PDB file of N, CA and C in Angstrom:
ATOM      1  N   MET A   1     -38.573  11.626  -0.441  1.00  0.00           N
ATOM      2  CA  MET A   1     -37.998  10.308  -0.498  1.00  0.00           C
ATOM      3  C   MET A   1     -36.705  10.361  -1.300  1.00  0.00           C
ATOM      4  N   SER A   2     -35.684   9.672  -0.824  1.00  0.00           N
ATOM      5  CA  SER A   2     -34.389   9.627  -1.484  1.00  0.00           C
ATOM      6  C   SER A   2     -34.305   8.448  -2.441  1.00  0.00           C
ATOM      7  N   ASN A   3     -33.460   8.601  -3.441  1.00  0.00           N
ATOM      8  CA  ASN A   3     -33.174   7.496  -4.351  1.00  0.00           C
ATOM      9  C   ASN A   3     -31.925   6.782  -3.875  1.00  0.00           C
ATOM     10  N   ILE A   4     -31.906   5.467  -3.983  1.00  0.00           N
ATOM     11  CA  ILE A   4     -30.771   4.663  -3.574  1.00  0.00           C
ATOM     12  C   ILE A   4     -30.314   3.835  -4.766  1.00  0.00           C
ATOM     13  N   THR A   5     -29.011   3.817  -5.004  1.00  0.00           N
ATOM     14  CA  THR A   5     -28.425   2.980  -6.045  1.00  0.00           C
ATOM     15  C   THR A   5     -27.536   1.956  -5.354  1.00  0.00           C
ATOM     16  N   VAL A   6     -27.686   0.696  -5.699  1.00  0.00           N
ATOM     17  CA  VAL A   6     -26.881  -0.370  -5.110  1.00  0.00           C
ATOM     18  C   VAL A   6     -26.050  -0.993  -6.221  1.00  0.00           C
ATOM     19  N   VAL A   7     -24.742  -1.135  -5.969  1.00  0.00           N
ATOM     20  CA  VAL A   7     -23.839  -1.789  -6.913  1.00  0.00           C
ATOM     21  C   VAL A   7     -23.423  -3.113  -6.279  1.00  0.00           C
ATOM     22  N   LEU A   8     -23.852  -4.211  -6.890  1.00  0.00           N
ATOM     23  CA  LEU A   8     -23.538  -5.545  -6.382  1.00  0.00           C
ATOM     24  C   LEU A   8     -22.677  -6.290  -7.385  1.00  0.00           C
ATOM     25  N   GLY A   9     -21.849  -7.190  -6.885  1.00  0.00           N
ATOM     26  CA  GLY A   9     -21.043  -8.026  -7.762  1.00  0.00           C
ATOM     27  C   GLY A   9     -20.520  -9.221  -7.004  1.00  0.00           C
ATOM     28  N   ALA A  10     -20.190 -10.265  -7.728  1.00  0.00           N
ATOM     29  CA  ALA A  10     -19.687 -11.484  -7.103  1.00  0.00           C
ATOM     30  C   ALA A  10     -18.338 -11.896  -7.683  1.00  0.00           C
ATOM     31  N   GLN A  11     -17.693 -11.012  -8.395  1.00  0.00           N
ATOM     32  CA  GLN A  11     -16.449 -11.368  -9.076  1.00  0.00           C
ATOM     33  C   GLN A  11     -15.209 -10.823  -8.364  1.00  0.00           C
ATOM     34  N   TRP A  12     -15.282 -10.617  -7.066  1.00  0.00           N
ATOM     35  CA  TRP A  12     -14.150 -10.120  -6.274  1.00  0.00           C
ATOM     36  C   TRP A  12     -13.635  -8.784  -6.804  1.00  0.00           C
ATOM     37  N   GLY A  13     -14.514  -7.959  -7.333  1.00  0.00           N
ATOM     38  CA  GLY A  13     -14.114  -6.643  -7.825  1.00  0.00           C
ATOM     39  C   GLY A  13     -13.683  -6.632  -9.275  1.00  0.00           C
ATOM     40  N   ASP A  14     -13.545  -7.801  -9.880  1.00  0.00           N
ATOM     41  CA  ASP A  14     -13.042  -7.869 -11.239  1.00  0.00           C
ATOM     42  C   ASP A  14     -13.982  -7.246 -12.265  1.00  0.00           C
ATOM     43  N   GLU A  15     -15.245  -7.054 -11.896  1.00  0.00           N
ATOM     44  CA  GLU A  15     -16.177  -6.499 -12.869  1.00  0.00           C
ATOM     45  C   GLU A  15     -16.211  -4.983 -12.863  1.00  0.00           C
ATOM     46  N   GLY A  16     -15.311  -4.344 -12.160  1.00  0.00           N
ATOM     47  CA  GLY A  16     -15.190  -2.890 -12.232  1.00  0.00           C
ATOM     48  C   GLY A  16     -16.100  -2.123 -11.304  1.00  0.00           C
ATOM     49  N   LYS A  17     -16.491  -2.699 -10.182  1.00  0.00           N
ATOM     50  CA  LYS A  17     -17.383  -1.987  -9.251  1.00  0.00           C
ATOM     51  C   LYS A  17     -16.761  -0.684  -8.767  1.00  0.00           C
ATOM     52  N   GLY A  18     -15.452  -0.691  -8.543  1.00  0.00           N
ATOM     53  CA  GLY A  18     -14.791   0.514  -8.030  1.00  0.00           C
ATOM     54  C   GLY A  18     -14.928   1.693  -8.975  1.00  0.00           C
ATOM     55  N   LYS A  19     -14.717   1.459 -10.249  1.00  0.00           N
ATOM     56  CA  LYS A  19     -14.856   2.526 -11.248  1.00  0.00           C
ATOM     57  C   LYS A  19     -16.301   3.007 -11.323  1.00  0.00           C
ATOM     58  N   LEU A  20     -17.233   2.069 -11.283  1.00  0.00           N
ATOM     59  CA  LEU A  20     -18.646   2.433 -11.329  1.00  0.00           C
ATOM     60  C   LEU A  20     -19.042   3.271 -10.114  1.00  0.00           C
ATOM     61  N   VAL A  21     -18.567   2.878  -8.931  1.00  0.00           N
ATOM     62  CA  VAL A  21     -18.877   3.642  -7.717  1.00  0.00           C
ATOM     63  C   VAL A  21     -18.260   5.031  -7.794  1.00  0.00           C
ATOM     64  N   ASP A  22     -17.068   5.142  -8.363  1.00  0.00           N
ATOM     65  CA  ASP A  22     -16.441   6.448  -8.536  1.00  0.00           C
ATOM     66  C   ASP A  22     -17.292   7.346  -9.426  1.00  0.00           C
ATOM     67  N   ILE A  23     -17.811   6.805 -10.507  1.00  0.00           N
ATOM     68  CA  ILE A  23     -18.671   7.581 -11.413  1.00  0.00           C
ATOM     69  C   ILE A  23     -19.980   7.964 -10.726  1.00  0.00           C
ATOM     70  N   LEU A  24     -20.613   6.999 -10.055  1.00  0.00           N
ATOM     71  CA  LEU A  24     -21.881   7.273  -9.366  1.00  0.00           C
ATOM     72  C   LEU A  24     -21.698   8.253  -8.209  1.00  0.00           C
ATOM     73  N   GLY A  25     -20.513   8.288  -7.619  1.00  0.00           N
ATOM     74  CA  GLY A  25     -20.245   9.199  -6.513  1.00  0.00           C
ATOM     75  C   GLY A  25     -20.396  10.658  -6.878  1.00  0.00           C
ATOM     76  N   GLU A  26     -20.326  10.964  -8.163  1.00  0.00           N
ATOM     77  CA  GLU A  26     -20.497  12.349  -8.608  1.00  0.00           C
ATOM     78  C   GLU A  26     -21.925  12.840  -8.417  1.00  0.00           C
ATOM     79  N   THR A  27     -22.894  11.915  -8.355  1.00  0.00           N
ATOM     80  CA  THR A  27     -24.298  12.318  -8.242  1.00  0.00           C
ATOM     81  C   THR A  27     -24.964  11.798  -6.966  1.00  0.00           C
ATOM     82  N   HIS A  28     -24.183  11.193  -6.078  1.00  0.00           N
ATOM     83  CA  HIS A  28     -24.721  10.672  -4.821  1.00  0.00           C
ATOM     84  C   HIS A  28     -23.996  11.331  -3.655  1.00  0.00           C
ATOM     85  N   SER A  29     -24.558  11.286  -2.480  1.00  0.00           N
ATOM     86  CA  SER A  29     -23.956  11.972  -1.338  1.00  0.00           C
ATOM     87  C   SER A  29     -23.450  11.041  -0.238  1.00  0.00           C
ATOM     88  N   VAL A  30     -23.931   9.802  -0.202  1.00  0.00           N
ATOM     89  CA  VAL A  30     -23.477   8.839   0.803  1.00  0.00           C
ATOM     90  C   VAL A  30     -22.999   7.593   0.067  1.00  0.00           C
ATOM     91  N   ILE A  31     -21.750   7.187   0.360  1.00  0.00           N
ATOM     92  CA  ILE A  31     -21.159   6.016  -0.278  1.00  0.00           C
ATOM     93  C   ILE A  31     -20.894   4.997   0.820  1.00  0.00           C
ATOM     94  N   VAL A  32     -21.438   3.779   0.684  1.00  0.00           N
ATOM     95  CA  VAL A  32     -21.342   2.766   1.726  1.00  0.00           C
ATOM     96  C   VAL A  32     -20.666   1.520   1.170  1.00  0.00           C
ATOM     97  N   ARG A  33     -19.684   1.040   1.903  1.00  0.00           N
ATOM     98  CA  ARG A  33     -19.120  -0.288   1.600  1.00  0.00           C
ATOM     99  C   ARG A  33     -19.654  -1.213   2.664  1.00  0.00           C
ATOM    100  N   SER A  34     -20.428  -2.221   2.243  1.00  0.00           N
ATOM    101  CA  SER A  34     -21.174  -3.010   3.227  1.00  0.00           C
ATOM    102  C   SER A  34     -20.619  -4.401   3.456  1.00  0.00           C
ATOM    103  N   GLY A  35     -19.717  -4.864   2.625  1.00  0.00           N
ATOM    104  CA  GLY A  35     -19.200  -6.212   2.812  1.00  0.00           C
ATOM    105  C   GLY A  35     -17.905  -6.412   2.067  1.00  0.00           C
ATOM    106  N   GLY A  36     -17.209  -7.475   2.392  1.00  0.00           N
ATOM    107  CA  GLY A  36     -15.952  -7.790   1.720  1.00  0.00           C
ATOM    108  C   GLY A  36     -14.760  -7.394   2.562  1.00  0.00           C
ATOM    109  N   GLY A  37     -13.616  -7.426   1.955  1.00  0.00           N
ATOM    110  CA  GLY A  37     -12.387  -7.079   2.651  1.00  0.00           C
ATOM    111  C   GLY A  37     -11.505  -6.253   1.747  1.00  0.00           C
ATOM    112  N   ALA A  38     -10.292  -6.010   2.199  1.00  0.00           N
ATOM    113  CA  ALA A  38      -9.343  -5.259   1.377  1.00  0.00           C
ATOM    114  C   ALA A  38      -9.136  -6.013   0.068  1.00  0.00           C
ATOM    115  N   ASN A  39      -8.960  -5.273  -1.005  1.00  0.00           N
ATOM    116  CA  ASN A  39      -8.786  -5.908  -2.302  1.00  0.00           C
ATOM    117  C   ASN A  39      -7.540  -5.362  -2.981  1.00  0.00           C
ATOM    118  N   ALA A  40      -7.348  -5.721  -4.222  1.00  0.00           N
ATOM    119  CA  ALA A  40      -6.175  -5.269  -4.966  1.00  0.00           C
ATOM    120  C   ALA A  40      -6.165  -3.755  -5.116  1.00  0.00           C
ATOM    121  N   GLY A  41      -7.306  -3.154  -5.008  1.00  0.00           N
ATOM    122  CA  GLY A  41      -7.371  -1.701  -5.013  1.00  0.00           C
ATOM    123  C   GLY A  41      -7.832  -1.101  -6.319  1.00  0.00           C
ATOM    124  N   HIS A  42      -8.173   0.161  -6.220  1.00  0.00           N
ATOM    125  CA  HIS A  42      -8.586   0.946  -7.371  1.00  0.00           C
ATOM    126  C   HIS A  42      -7.669   2.162  -7.406  1.00  0.00           C
ATOM    127  N   THR A  43      -7.159   2.494  -8.565  1.00  0.00           N
ATOM    128  CA  THR A  43      -6.354   3.697  -8.723  1.00  0.00           C
ATOM    129  C   THR A  43      -7.161   4.684  -9.536  1.00  0.00           C
ATOM    130  N   ILE A  44      -7.374   5.846  -8.967  1.00  0.00           N
ATOM    131  CA  ILE A  44      -8.134   6.902  -9.621  1.00  0.00           C
ATOM    132  C   ILE A  44      -7.211   8.104  -9.786  1.00  0.00           C
ATOM    133  N   VAL A  45      -7.175   8.693 -10.981  1.00  0.00           N
ATOM    134  CA  VAL A  45      -6.428   9.927 -11.203  1.00  0.00           C
ATOM    135  C   VAL A  45      -7.456  11.005 -11.506  1.00  0.00           C
ATOM    136  N   ARG A  46      -7.455  12.023 -10.656  1.00  0.00           N
ATOM    137  CA  ARG A  46      -8.402  13.110 -10.831  1.00  0.00           C
ATOM    138  C   ARG A  46      -7.689  14.436 -10.568  1.00  0.00           C
ATOM    139  N   ASP A  47      -7.831  15.361 -11.480  1.00  0.00           N
ATOM    140  CA  ASP A  47      -7.193  16.678 -11.382  1.00  0.00           C
ATOM    141  C   ASP A  47      -5.689  16.561 -11.157  1.00  0.00           C
ATOM    142  N   GLY A  48      -5.067  15.585 -11.814  1.00  0.00           N
ATOM    143  CA  GLY A  48      -3.626  15.416 -11.728  1.00  0.00           C
ATOM    144  C   GLY A  48      -3.125  14.744 -10.461  1.00  0.00           C
ATOM    145  N   LYS A  49      -4.026  14.362  -9.561  1.00  0.00           N
ATOM    146  CA  LYS A  49      -3.632  13.687  -8.325  1.00  0.00           C
ATOM    147  C   LYS A  49      -4.008  12.213  -8.420  1.00  0.00           C
ATOM    148  N   LYS A  50      -3.121  11.355  -7.917  1.00  0.00           N
ATOM    149  CA  LYS A  50      -3.334   9.911  -7.957  1.00  0.00           C
ATOM    150  C   LYS A  50      -3.802   9.437  -6.584  1.00  0.00           C
ATOM    151  N   TYR A  51      -4.897   8.686  -6.568  1.00  0.00           N
ATOM    152  CA  TYR A  51      -5.458   8.126  -5.347  1.00  0.00           C
ATOM    153  C   TYR A  51      -5.490   6.616  -5.486  1.00  0.00           C
ATOM    154  N   ILE A  52      -5.016   5.909  -4.459  1.00  0.00           N
ATOM    155  CA  ILE A  52      -5.033   4.446  -4.473  1.00  0.00           C
ATOM    156  C   ILE A  52      -5.887   3.979  -3.303  1.00  0.00           C
ATOM    157  N   PHE A  53      -6.941   3.224  -3.607  1.00  0.00           N
ATOM    158  CA  PHE A  53      -7.881   2.735  -2.602  1.00  0.00           C
ATOM    159  C   PHE A  53      -7.819   1.216  -2.536  1.00  0.00           C
ATOM    160  N   SER A  54      -7.850   0.662  -1.325  1.00  0.00           N
ATOM    161  CA  SER A  54      -7.967  -0.791  -1.198  1.00  0.00           C
ATOM    162  C   SER A  54      -9.087  -1.183  -0.239  1.00  0.00           C
ATOM    163  N   LEU A  55      -9.578  -0.251   0.547  1.00  0.00           N
ATOM    164  CA  LEU A  55     -10.677  -0.556   1.464  1.00  0.00           C
ATOM    165  C   LEU A  55     -11.795   0.475   1.352  1.00  0.00           C
ATOM    166  N   LEU A  56     -11.439   1.744   1.292  1.00  0.00           N
ATOM    167  CA  LEU A  56     -12.453   2.794   1.184  1.00  0.00           C
ATOM    168  C   LEU A  56     -13.084   2.790  -0.195  1.00  0.00           C
ATOM    169  N   PRO A  57     -14.352   3.167  -0.302  1.00  0.00           N
ATOM    170  CA  PRO A  57     -14.956   3.319  -1.625  1.00  0.00           C
ATOM    171  C   PRO A  57     -14.232   4.421  -2.407  1.00  0.00           C
ATOM    172  N   SER A  58     -13.986   4.193  -3.678  1.00  0.00           N
ATOM    173  CA  SER A  58     -13.213   5.150  -4.471  1.00  0.00           C
ATOM    174  C   SER A  58     -13.896   6.507  -4.610  1.00  0.00           C
ATOM    175  N   ALA A  59     -15.188   6.578  -4.424  1.00  0.00           N
ATOM    176  CA  ALA A  59     -15.898   7.855  -4.530  1.00  0.00           C
ATOM    177  C   ALA A  59     -15.606   8.784  -3.357  1.00  0.00           C
ATOM    178  N   MET A  60     -14.779   8.361  -2.421  1.00  0.00           N
ATOM    179  CA  MET A  60     -14.435   9.191  -1.273  1.00  0.00           C
ATOM    180  C   MET A  60     -13.564  10.380  -1.661  1.00  0.00           C
ATOM    181  N   ILE A  61     -13.136  10.455  -2.916  1.00  0.00           N
ATOM    182  CA  ILE A  61     -12.366  11.599  -3.389  1.00  0.00           C
ATOM    183  C   ILE A  61     -13.186  12.874  -3.257  1.00  0.00           C
ATOM    184  N   ASP A  62     -14.473  12.795  -3.527  1.00  0.00           N
ATOM    185  CA  ASP A  62     -15.340  13.966  -3.490  1.00  0.00           C
ATOM    186  C   ASP A  62     -15.624  14.372  -2.048  1.00  0.00           C
ATOM    187  N   GLU A  63     -15.284  15.604  -1.707  1.00  0.00           N
ATOM    188  CA  GLU A  63     -15.475  16.098  -0.338  1.00  0.00           C
ATOM    189  C   GLU A  63     -16.937  16.123   0.073  1.00  0.00           C
ATOM    190  N   LYS A  64     -17.843  16.200  -0.884  1.00  0.00           N
ATOM    191  CA  LYS A  64     -19.271  16.272  -0.558  1.00  0.00           C
ATOM    192  C   LYS A  64     -19.833  14.922  -0.108  1.00  0.00           C
ATOM    193  N   ASN A  65     -19.117  13.837  -0.402  1.00  0.00           N
ATOM    194  CA  ASN A  65     -19.612  12.502  -0.083  1.00  0.00           C
ATOM    195  C   ASN A  65     -19.330  12.124   1.364  1.00  0.00           C
ATOM    196  N   ILE A  66     -20.258  11.428   1.959  1.00  0.00           N
ATOM    197  CA  ILE A  66     -20.083  10.843   3.284  1.00  0.00           C
ATOM    198  C   ILE A  66     -19.761   9.368   3.067  1.00  0.00           C
ATOM    199  N   GLY A  67     -18.673   8.904   3.661  1.00  0.00           N
ATOM    200  CA  GLY A  67     -18.265   7.521   3.511  1.00  0.00           C
ATOM    201  C   GLY A  67     -18.645   6.696   4.724  1.00  0.00           C
ATOM    202  N   VAL A  68     -19.177   5.504   4.489  1.00  0.00           N
ATOM    203  CA  VAL A  68     -19.573   4.613   5.571  1.00  0.00           C
ATOM    204  C   VAL A  68     -18.965   3.236   5.305  1.00  0.00           C
ATOM    205  N   ILE A  69     -18.281   2.688   6.318  1.00  0.00           N
ATOM    206  CA  ILE A  69     -17.767   1.326   6.239  1.00  0.00           C
ATOM    207  C   ILE A  69     -18.670   0.482   7.126  1.00  0.00           C
ATOM    208  N   GLY A  70     -19.387  -0.477   6.533  1.00  0.00           N
ATOM    209  CA  GLY A  70     -20.355  -1.286   7.266  1.00  0.00           C
ATOM    210  C   GLY A  70     -19.722  -2.364   8.121  1.00  0.00           C
ATOM    211  N   MET A  71     -20.533  -2.971   8.970  1.00  0.00           N
ATOM    212  CA  MET A  71     -20.059  -4.007   9.895  1.00  0.00           C
ATOM    213  C   MET A  71     -19.584  -5.263   9.163  1.00  0.00           C
ATOM    214  N   GLY A  72     -20.008  -5.484   7.931  1.00  0.00           N
ATOM    215  CA  GLY A  72     -19.628  -6.687   7.203  1.00  0.00           C
ATOM    216  C   GLY A  72     -18.305  -6.581   6.473  1.00  0.00           C
ATOM    217  N   VAL A  73     -17.565  -5.481   6.645  1.00  0.00           N
ATOM    218  CA  VAL A  73     -16.305  -5.290   5.940  1.00  0.00           C
ATOM    219  C   VAL A  73     -15.164  -5.842   6.776  1.00  0.00           C
ATOM    220  N   LEU A  74     -14.395  -6.705   6.179  1.00  0.00           N
ATOM    221  CA  LEU A  74     -13.262  -7.330   6.859  1.00  0.00           C
ATOM    222  C   LEU A  74     -12.035  -6.455   6.671  1.00  0.00           C
ATOM    223  N   CYS A  75     -11.443  -6.009   7.766  1.00  0.00           N
ATOM    224  CA  CYS A  75     -10.236  -5.193   7.731  1.00  0.00           C
ATOM    225  C   CYS A  75      -9.055  -6.056   8.143  1.00  0.00           C
ATOM    226  N   ILE A  76      -8.075  -6.175   7.268  1.00  0.00           N
ATOM    227  CA  ILE A  76      -6.869  -6.938   7.567  1.00  0.00           C
ATOM    228  C   ILE A  76      -5.698  -5.957   7.612  1.00  0.00           C
ATOM    229  N   TYR A  77      -5.009  -5.933   8.729  1.00  0.00           N
ATOM    230  CA  TYR A  77      -3.880  -5.027   8.892  1.00  0.00           C
ATOM    231  C   TYR A  77      -2.578  -5.798   8.774  1.00  0.00           C
ATOM    232  N   HIS A  78      -1.638  -5.248   8.025  1.00  0.00           N
ATOM    233  CA  HIS A  78      -0.320  -5.857   7.867  1.00  0.00           C
ATOM    234  C   HIS A  78       0.698  -4.988   8.582  1.00  0.00           C
ATOM    235  N   HIS A  79       1.671  -5.617   9.208  1.00  0.00           N
ATOM    236  CA  HIS A  79       2.733  -4.876   9.904  1.00  0.00           C
ATOM    237  C   HIS A  79       3.968  -4.842   9.043  1.00  0.00           C
TER     238      HIS A  79
END
């Protein structure tokens, strides 16, 4: 049986979910974004490289992680 960790929040990301997911991504193998839309983004600096995320879960930096974008995620494209 696998363990599942769920990070929930209602503050439009203001409570630091992105940073928490980045930390948890080090010990988990599947990262799922299940709802919401593009946000202000998370900036992660790891090994001297800067990554800016606005839709993908920030834990996608780790090659071992599988990223899943759920049906409830709103994607807004700007031209």
